[in-house]
PDB file of N, CA and C in Angstrom:
ATOM      1  N   PRO A   1       6.153   0.670   7.444  1.00  0.00           N
ATOM      2  CA  PRO A   1       5.657   1.586   8.553  1.00  0.00           C
ATOM      3  C   PRO A   1       5.529   2.911   8.053  1.00  0.00           C
ATOM      4  N   PHE A   2       4.567   3.650   8.631  1.00  0.00           N
ATOM      5  CA  PHE A   2       4.314   5.024   8.325  1.00  0.00           C
ATOM      6  C   PHE A   2       3.903   5.762   9.529  1.00  0.00           C
ATOM      7  N   PHE A   3       4.098   7.146   9.501  1.00  0.00           N
ATOM      8  CA  PHE A   3       3.663   7.905  10.705  1.00  0.00           C
ATOM      9  C   PHE A   3       2.669   9.069  10.162  1.00  0.00           C
ATOM     10  N   LEU A   4       1.536   9.211  10.899  1.00  0.00           N
ATOM     11  CA  LEU A   4       0.658  10.343  10.672  1.00  0.00           C
ATOM     12  C   LEU A   4       0.726  11.214  11.847  1.00  0.00           C
ATOM     13  N   PRO A   5       1.064  12.499  11.491  1.00  0.00           N
ATOM     14  CA  PRO A   5       1.078  13.502  12.610  1.00  0.00           C
ATOM     15  C   PRO A   5      -0.220  13.957  13.194  1.00  0.00           C
ATOM     16  N   THR A   6      -1.237  13.795  12.282  1.00  0.00           N
ATOM     17  CA  THR A   6      -2.559  14.026  12.897  1.00  0.00           C
ATOM     18  C   THR A   6      -3.452  12.896  12.362  1.00  0.00           C
ATOM     19  N   ASP A   7      -4.674  12.772  12.849  1.00  0.00           N
ATOM     20  CA  ASP A   7      -5.783  11.835  12.309  1.00  0.00           C
ATOM     21  C   ASP A   7      -5.822  12.183  10.929  1.00  0.00           C
ATOM     22  N   ASP A   8      -6.035  11.262  10.075  1.00  0.00           N
ATOM     23  CA  ASP A   8      -6.087  11.408   8.560  1.00  0.00           C
ATOM     24  C   ASP A   8      -6.747  10.285   7.862  1.00  0.00           C
ATOM     25  N   ASN A   9      -7.289  10.548   6.632  1.00  0.00           N
ATOM     26  CA  ASN A   9      -7.844   9.537   5.864  1.00  0.00           C
ATOM     27  C   ASN A   9      -6.731   9.074   4.967  1.00  0.00           C
ATOM     28  N   ILE A  10      -6.678   7.849   4.805  1.00  0.00           N
ATOM     29  CA  ILE A  10      -5.473   7.314   3.963  1.00  0.00           C
ATOM     30  C   ILE A  10      -6.022   6.282   2.950  1.00  0.00           C
ATOM     31  N   LEU A  11      -5.341   6.080   1.916  1.00  0.00           N
ATOM     32  CA  LEU A  11      -5.520   4.980   0.911  1.00  0.00           C
ATOM     33  C   LEU A  11      -4.157   4.421   0.668  1.00  0.00           C
ATOM     34  N   LEU A  12      -3.996   3.056   1.027  1.00  0.00           N
ATOM     35  CA  LEU A  12      -2.820   2.353   0.635  1.00  0.00           C
ATOM     36  C   LEU A  12      -3.145   1.243  -0.467  1.00  0.00           C
ATOM     37  N   ASN A  13      -2.302   1.457  -1.592  1.00  0.00           N
ATOM     38  CA  ASN A  13      -2.485   0.443  -2.629  1.00  0.00           C
ATOM     39  C   ASN A  13      -1.249  -0.140  -2.964  1.00  0.00           C
ATOM     40  N   ILE A  14      -1.359  -1.305  -3.505  1.00  0.00           N
ATOM     41  CA  ILE A  14      -0.224  -2.172  -4.198  1.00  0.00           C
ATOM     42  C   ILE A  14      -0.448  -2.001  -5.678  1.00  0.00           C
ATOM     43  N   LEU A  15       0.529  -1.492  -6.451  1.00  0.00           N
ATOM     44  CA  LEU A  15       0.491  -1.395  -7.805  1.00  0.00           C
ATOM     45  C   LEU A  15       1.520  -2.213  -8.682  1.00  0.00           C
ATOM     46  N   ASP A  16       1.069  -2.765  -9.697  1.00  0.00           N
ATOM     47  CA  ASP A  16       2.125  -3.392 -10.666  1.00  0.00           C
ATOM     48  C   ASP A  16       2.891  -2.367 -11.418  1.00  0.00           C
ATOM     49  N   MET A  17       3.801  -2.710 -12.145  1.00  0.00           N
ATOM     50  CA  MET A  17       4.709  -1.736 -12.845  1.00  0.00           C
ATOM     51  C   MET A  17       3.926  -0.957 -13.990  1.00  0.00           C
ATOM     52  N   ASN A  18       2.715  -1.473 -14.272  1.00  0.00           N
ATOM     53  CA  ASN A  18       1.980  -0.706 -15.274  1.00  0.00           C
ATOM     54  C   ASN A  18       1.018   0.336 -14.519  1.00  0.00           C
ATOM     55  N   GLY A  19       1.041   0.411 -13.299  1.00  0.00           N
ATOM     56  CA  GLY A  19       0.212   1.337 -12.425  1.00  0.00           C
ATOM     57  C   GLY A  19      -1.139   0.709 -12.146  1.00  0.00           C
ATOM     58  N   LYS A  20      -1.426  -0.389 -12.467  1.00  0.00           N
ATOM     59  CA  LYS A  20      -2.659  -1.122 -12.167  1.00  0.00           C
ATOM     60  C   LYS A  20      -2.780  -1.429 -10.790  1.00  0.00           C
ATOM     61  N   VAL A  21      -3.752  -1.148 -10.145  1.00  0.00           N
ATOM     62  CA  VAL A  21      -3.928  -1.493  -8.600  1.00  0.00           C
ATOM     63  C   VAL A  21      -4.111  -3.034  -8.606  1.00  0.00           C
ATOM     64  N   VAL A  22      -3.217  -3.642  -7.788  1.00  0.00           N
ATOM     65  CA  VAL A  22      -3.317  -5.146  -7.649  1.00  0.00           C
ATOM     66  C   VAL A  22      -4.047  -5.522  -6.343  1.00  0.00           C
ATOM     67  N   LYS A  23      -4.004  -4.604  -5.369  1.00  0.00           N
ATOM     68  CA  LYS A  23      -4.690  -4.845  -4.173  1.00  0.00           C
ATOM     69  C   LYS A  23      -4.775  -3.391  -3.343  1.00  0.00           C
ATOM     70  N   GLN A  24      -5.986  -3.323  -2.655  1.00  0.00           N
ATOM     71  CA  GLN A  24      -6.080  -2.033  -1.832  1.00  0.00           C
ATOM     72  C   GLN A  24      -5.926  -2.641  -0.385  1.00  0.00           C
ATOM     73  N   LEU A  25      -4.953  -2.169   0.284  1.00  0.00           N
ATOM     74  CA  LEU A  25      -4.590  -2.725   1.622  1.00  0.00           C
ATOM     75  C   LEU A  25      -5.204  -1.888   2.817  1.00  0.00           C
ATOM     76  N   ALA A  26      -5.482  -0.519   2.528  1.00  0.00           N
ATOM     77  CA  ALA A  26      -6.110   0.289   3.603  1.00  0.00           C
ATOM     78  C   ALA A  26      -6.806   1.436   2.976  1.00  0.00           C
ATOM     79  N   PHE A  27      -7.893   1.722   3.617  1.00  0.00           N
ATOM     80  CA  PHE A  27      -8.754   2.880   3.108  1.00  0.00           C
ATOM     81  C   PHE A  27      -9.541   3.367   4.355  1.00  0.00           C
ATOM     82  N   GLY A  28      -9.464   4.640   4.699  1.00  0.00           N
ATOM     83  CA  GLY A  28     -10.343   5.211   5.741  1.00  0.00           C
ATOM     84  C   GLY A  28      -9.598   5.992   6.707  1.00  0.00           C
ATOM     85  N   GLN A  29     -10.224   6.417   7.731  1.00  0.00           N
ATOM     86  CA  GLN A  29      -9.604   7.274   8.849  1.00  0.00           C
ATOM     87  C   GLN A  29      -8.728   6.396   9.736  1.00  0.00           C
ATOM     88  N   TYR A  30      -7.456   6.958   9.876  1.00  0.00           N
ATOM     89  CA  TYR A  30      -6.554   6.463  10.912  1.00  0.00           C
ATOM     90  C   TYR A  30      -6.090   7.451  11.870  1.00  0.00           C
ATOM     91  N   PRO A  31      -5.885   6.998  13.123  1.00  0.00           N
ATOM     92  CA  PRO A  31      -5.410   7.854  14.075  1.00  0.00           C
ATOM     93  C   PRO A  31      -4.016   8.372  13.988  1.00  0.00           C
ATOM     94  N   ALA A  32      -3.653   9.507  14.405  1.00  0.00           N
ATOM     95  CA  ALA A  32      -2.274   9.998  14.459  1.00  0.00           C
ATOM     96  C   ALA A  32      -1.355   8.933  15.131  1.00  0.00           C
ATOM     97  N   GLY A  33      -0.164   8.993  14.608  1.00  0.00           N
ATOM     98  CA  GLY A  33       0.930   7.914  15.390  1.00  0.00           C
ATOM     99  C   GLY A  33       1.422   7.017  14.208  1.00  0.00           C
ATOM    100  N   ASN A  34       2.215   5.986  14.786  1.00  0.00           N
ATOM    101  CA  ASN A  34       2.938   5.071  13.939  1.00  0.00           C
ATOM    102  C   ASN A  34       1.866   4.018  13.519  1.00  0.00           C
ATOM    103  N   HIS A  35       2.074   3.431  12.167  1.00  0.00           N
ATOM    104  CA  HIS A  35       1.278   2.409  11.776  1.00  0.00           C
ATOM    105  C   HIS A  35       2.134   1.475  10.901  1.00  0.00           C
ATOM    106  N   MET A  36       1.603   0.176  10.906  1.00  0.00           N
ATOM    107  CA  MET A  36       2.272  -0.794  10.024  1.00  0.00           C
ATOM    108  C   MET A  36       1.187  -1.561   9.359  1.00  0.00           C
ATOM    109  N   ILE A  37       1.303  -1.880   8.198  1.00  0.00           N
ATOM    110  CA  ILE A  37       0.324  -2.534   7.430  1.00  0.00           C
ATOM    111  C   ILE A  37       1.055  -3.701   6.598  1.00  0.00           C
ATOM    112  N   GLU A  38       0.804  -4.929   6.849  1.00  0.00           N
ATOM    113  CA  GLU A  38       1.535  -5.908   6.037  1.00  0.00           C
ATOM    114  C   GLU A  38       0.720  -6.298   4.772  1.00  0.00           C
ATOM    115  N   TRP A  39       1.402  -6.600   3.797  1.00  0.00           N
ATOM    116  CA  TRP A  39       0.852  -7.259   2.552  1.00  0.00           C
ATOM    117  C   TRP A  39       1.289  -8.722   2.505  1.00  0.00           C
ATOM    118  N   ASP A  40       0.137  -9.569   2.258  1.00  0.00           N
ATOM    119  CA  ASP A  40       0.573 -11.017   2.196  1.00  0.00           C
ATOM    120  C   ASP A  40       1.036 -11.515   0.817  1.00  0.00           C
ATOM    121  N   GLY A  41       1.148 -10.548  -0.161  1.00  0.00           N
ATOM    122  CA  GLY A  41       1.675 -10.998  -1.439  1.00  0.00           C
ATOM    123  C   GLY A  41       0.583 -11.557  -2.418  1.00  0.00           C
ATOM    124  N   THR A  42      -0.716 -11.275  -1.997  1.00  0.00           N
ATOM    125  CA  THR A  42      -1.802 -11.641  -2.771  1.00  0.00           C
ATOM    126  C   THR A  42      -2.420 -10.526  -3.555  1.00  0.00           C
ATOM    127  N   ASN A  43      -3.182 -10.754  -4.639  1.00  0.00           N
ATOM    128  CA  ASN A  43      -4.026  -9.762  -5.293  1.00  0.00           C
ATOM    129  C   ASN A  43      -5.320  -9.654  -4.673  1.00  0.00           C
ATOM    130  N   SER A  44      -6.164  -8.820  -5.155  1.00  0.00           N
ATOM    131  CA  SER A  44      -7.567  -8.603  -4.633  1.00  0.00           C
ATOM    132  C   SER A  44      -8.379  -9.914  -4.648  1.00  0.00           C
ATOM    133  N   ALA A  45      -8.100 -10.926  -5.493  1.00  0.00           N
ATOM    134  CA  ALA A  45      -8.813 -12.116  -5.494  1.00  0.00           C
ATOM    135  C   ALA A  45      -8.270 -13.223  -4.449  1.00  0.00           C
ATOM    136  N   GLY A  46      -7.117 -12.805  -3.864  1.00  0.00           N
ATOM    137  CA  GLY A  46      -6.505 -13.677  -2.873  1.00  0.00           C
ATOM    138  C   GLY A  46      -5.529 -14.632  -3.484  1.00  0.00           C
ATOM    139  N   THR A  47      -5.195 -14.367  -4.749  1.00  0.00           N
ATOM    140  CA  THR A  47      -4.247 -15.217  -5.375  1.00  0.00           C
ATOM    141  C   THR A  47      -2.855 -14.611  -5.456  1.00  0.00           C
ATOM    142  N   PRO A  48      -1.770 -15.533  -5.192  1.00  0.00           N
ATOM    143  CA  PRO A  48      -0.482 -14.922  -4.920  1.00  0.00           C
ATOM    144  C   PRO A  48      -0.035 -14.287  -6.145  1.00  0.00           C
ATOM    145  N   VAL A  49       0.530 -13.157  -6.098  1.00  0.00           N
ATOM    146  CA  VAL A  49       1.059 -12.369  -7.237  1.00  0.00           C
ATOM    147  C   VAL A  49       2.334 -12.935  -7.697  1.00  0.00           C
ATOM    148  N   ALA A  50       2.536 -12.703  -9.154  1.00  0.00           N
ATOM    149  CA  ALA A  50       3.795 -13.219  -9.631  1.00  0.00           C
ATOM    150  C   ALA A  50       5.102 -12.577  -9.262  1.00  0.00           C
ATOM    151  N   SER A  51       6.110 -13.229  -9.451  1.00  0.00           N
ATOM    152  CA  SER A  51       7.386 -12.585  -9.046  1.00  0.00           C
ATOM    153  C   SER A  51       7.472 -11.248  -9.954  1.00  0.00           C
ATOM    154  N   GLY A  52       8.119 -10.199  -9.371  1.00  0.00           N
ATOM    155  CA  GLY A  52       8.258  -8.923  -9.958  1.00  0.00           C
ATOM    156  C   GLY A  52       8.464  -7.706  -9.106  1.00  0.00           C
ATOM    157  N   VAL A  53       8.386  -6.642  -9.750  1.00  0.00           N
ATOM    158  CA  VAL A  53       8.528  -5.396  -9.090  1.00  0.00           C
ATOM    159  C   VAL A  53       7.194  -4.784  -8.855  1.00  0.00           C
ATOM    160  N   TYR A  54       6.871  -4.418  -7.602  1.00  0.00           N
ATOM    161  CA  TYR A  54       5.507  -3.775  -7.289  1.00  0.00           C
ATOM    162  C   TYR A  54       5.804  -2.547  -6.429  1.00  0.00           C
ATOM    163  N   ILE A  55       4.797  -1.541  -6.505  1.00  0.00           N
ATOM    164  CA  ILE A  55       4.851  -0.288  -5.818  1.00  0.00           C
ATOM    165  C   ILE A  55       3.856  -0.262  -4.764  1.00  0.00           C
ATOM    166  N   TYR A  56       4.372   0.208  -3.590  1.00  0.00           N
ATOM    167  CA  TYR A  56       3.124   0.496  -2.639  1.00  0.00           C
ATOM    168  C   TYR A  56       3.090   1.989  -2.562  1.00  0.00           C
ATOM    169  N   GLN A  57       1.788   2.460  -2.657  1.00  0.00           N
ATOM    170  CA  GLN A  57       1.515   3.869  -2.693  1.00  0.00           C
ATOM    171  C   GLN A  57       0.586   4.236  -1.550  1.00  0.00           C
ATOM    172  N   LEU A  58       1.024   5.238  -0.743  1.00  0.00           N
ATOM    173  CA  LEU A  58       0.256   5.751   0.431  1.00  0.00           C
ATOM    174  C   LEU A  58      -0.149   7.124   0.055  1.00  0.00           C
ATOM    175  N   HIS A  59      -1.545   7.297   0.036  1.00  0.00           N
ATOM    176  CA  HIS A  59      -2.273   8.559  -0.272  1.00  0.00           C
ATOM    177  C   HIS A  59      -2.708   9.135   1.258  1.00  0.00           C
ATOM    178  N   THR A  60      -2.299  10.380   1.606  1.00  0.00           N
ATOM    179  CA  THR A  60      -2.958  11.001   2.751  1.00  0.00           C
ATOM    180  C   THR A  60      -3.689  12.267   2.318  1.00  0.00           C
ATOM    181  N   SER A  61      -4.185  13.041   3.036  1.00  0.00           N
ATOM    182  CA  SER A  61      -4.909  14.338   2.652  1.00  0.00           C
ATOM    183  C   SER A  61      -3.999  15.279   1.935  1.00  0.00           C
ATOM    184  N   ASP A  62      -2.598  15.270   2.237  1.00  0.00           N
ATOM    185  CA  ASP A  62      -1.788  16.206   1.706  1.00  0.00           C
ATOM    186  C   ASP A  62      -0.490  15.555   1.077  1.00  0.00           C
ATOM    187  N   ASN A  63      -0.408  14.399   0.914  1.00  0.00           N
ATOM    188  CA  ASN A  63       0.751  13.741   0.421  1.00  0.00           C
ATOM    189  C   ASN A  63       0.439  12.418  -0.306  1.00  0.00           C
ATOM    190  N   VAL A  64       1.444  12.001  -1.142  1.00  0.00           N
ATOM    191  CA  VAL A  64       1.408  10.789  -1.836  1.00  0.00           C
ATOM    192  C   VAL A  64       2.840  10.244  -1.741  1.00  0.00           C
ATOM    193  N   MET A  65       3.026   9.056  -1.034  1.00  0.00           N
ATOM    194  CA  MET A  65       4.316   8.435  -0.982  1.00  0.00           C
ATOM    195  C   MET A  65       4.341   7.068  -1.652  1.00  0.00           C
ATOM    196  N   GLY A  66       5.520   6.776  -2.155  1.00  0.00           N
ATOM    197  CA  GLY A  66       5.478   5.368  -2.864  1.00  0.00           C
ATOM    198  C   GLY A  66       6.956   4.850  -2.742  1.00  0.00           C
ATOM    199  N   GLN A  67       6.964   3.558  -2.950  1.00  0.00           N
ATOM    200  CA  GLN A  67       8.323   2.955  -2.840  1.00  0.00           C
ATOM    201  C   GLN A  67       8.278   1.548  -3.691  1.00  0.00           C
ATOM    202  N   GLN A  68       9.275   1.115  -4.277  1.00  0.00           N
ATOM    203  CA  GLN A  68       9.182  -0.052  -5.009  1.00  0.00           C
ATOM    204  C   GLN A  68       9.669  -1.218  -4.065  1.00  0.00           C
ATOM    205  N   MET A  69       9.080  -2.417  -4.397  1.00  0.00           N
ATOM    206  CA  MET A  69       9.568  -3.568  -3.643  1.00  0.00           C
ATOM    207  C   MET A  69       9.644  -4.741  -4.711  1.00  0.00           C
ATOM    208  N   VAL A  70      10.338  -5.927  -4.395  1.00  0.00           N
ATOM    209  CA  VAL A  70      10.430  -6.905  -5.255  1.00  0.00           C
ATOM    210  C   VAL A  70       9.771  -8.162  -4.620  1.00  0.00           C
ATOM    211  N   ILE A  71       9.081  -8.973  -5.408  1.00  0.00           N
ATOM    212  CA  ILE A  71       8.343 -10.150  -5.007  1.00  0.00           C
ATOM    213  C   ILE A  71       9.288 -11.263  -5.721  1.00  0.00           C
ATOM    214  N   GLN A  72       9.787 -12.263  -5.020  1.00  0.00           N
ATOM    215  CA  GLN A  72      10.401 -13.318  -5.794  1.00  0.00           C
ATOM    216  C   GLN A  72       9.899 -14.658  -5.208  1.00  0.00           C
ATOM    217  N   ARG A  73       9.422 -15.490  -6.184  1.00  0.00           N
ATOM    218  CA  ARG A  73       8.739 -16.701  -5.714  1.00  0.00           C
ATOM    219  C   ARG A  73       9.584 -17.841  -6.184  1.00  0.00           C
TER     220      ARG A  73
END
């Protein structure tokens, strides 16, 4: 989940540990407030990703936030 204090353009990507974009989850204008976007564990082609560590990275107009997560299959 993430909170936007004002309407903002966002970009939410899933990256592998090499920094390669695995999937783009969100792009565009979002209203102020709380938001939750779920990842189904697939890449851009719709194929399930391998077990490993991935990073979700949220870009807003004035901030970049990221966090690691582990996928175990």
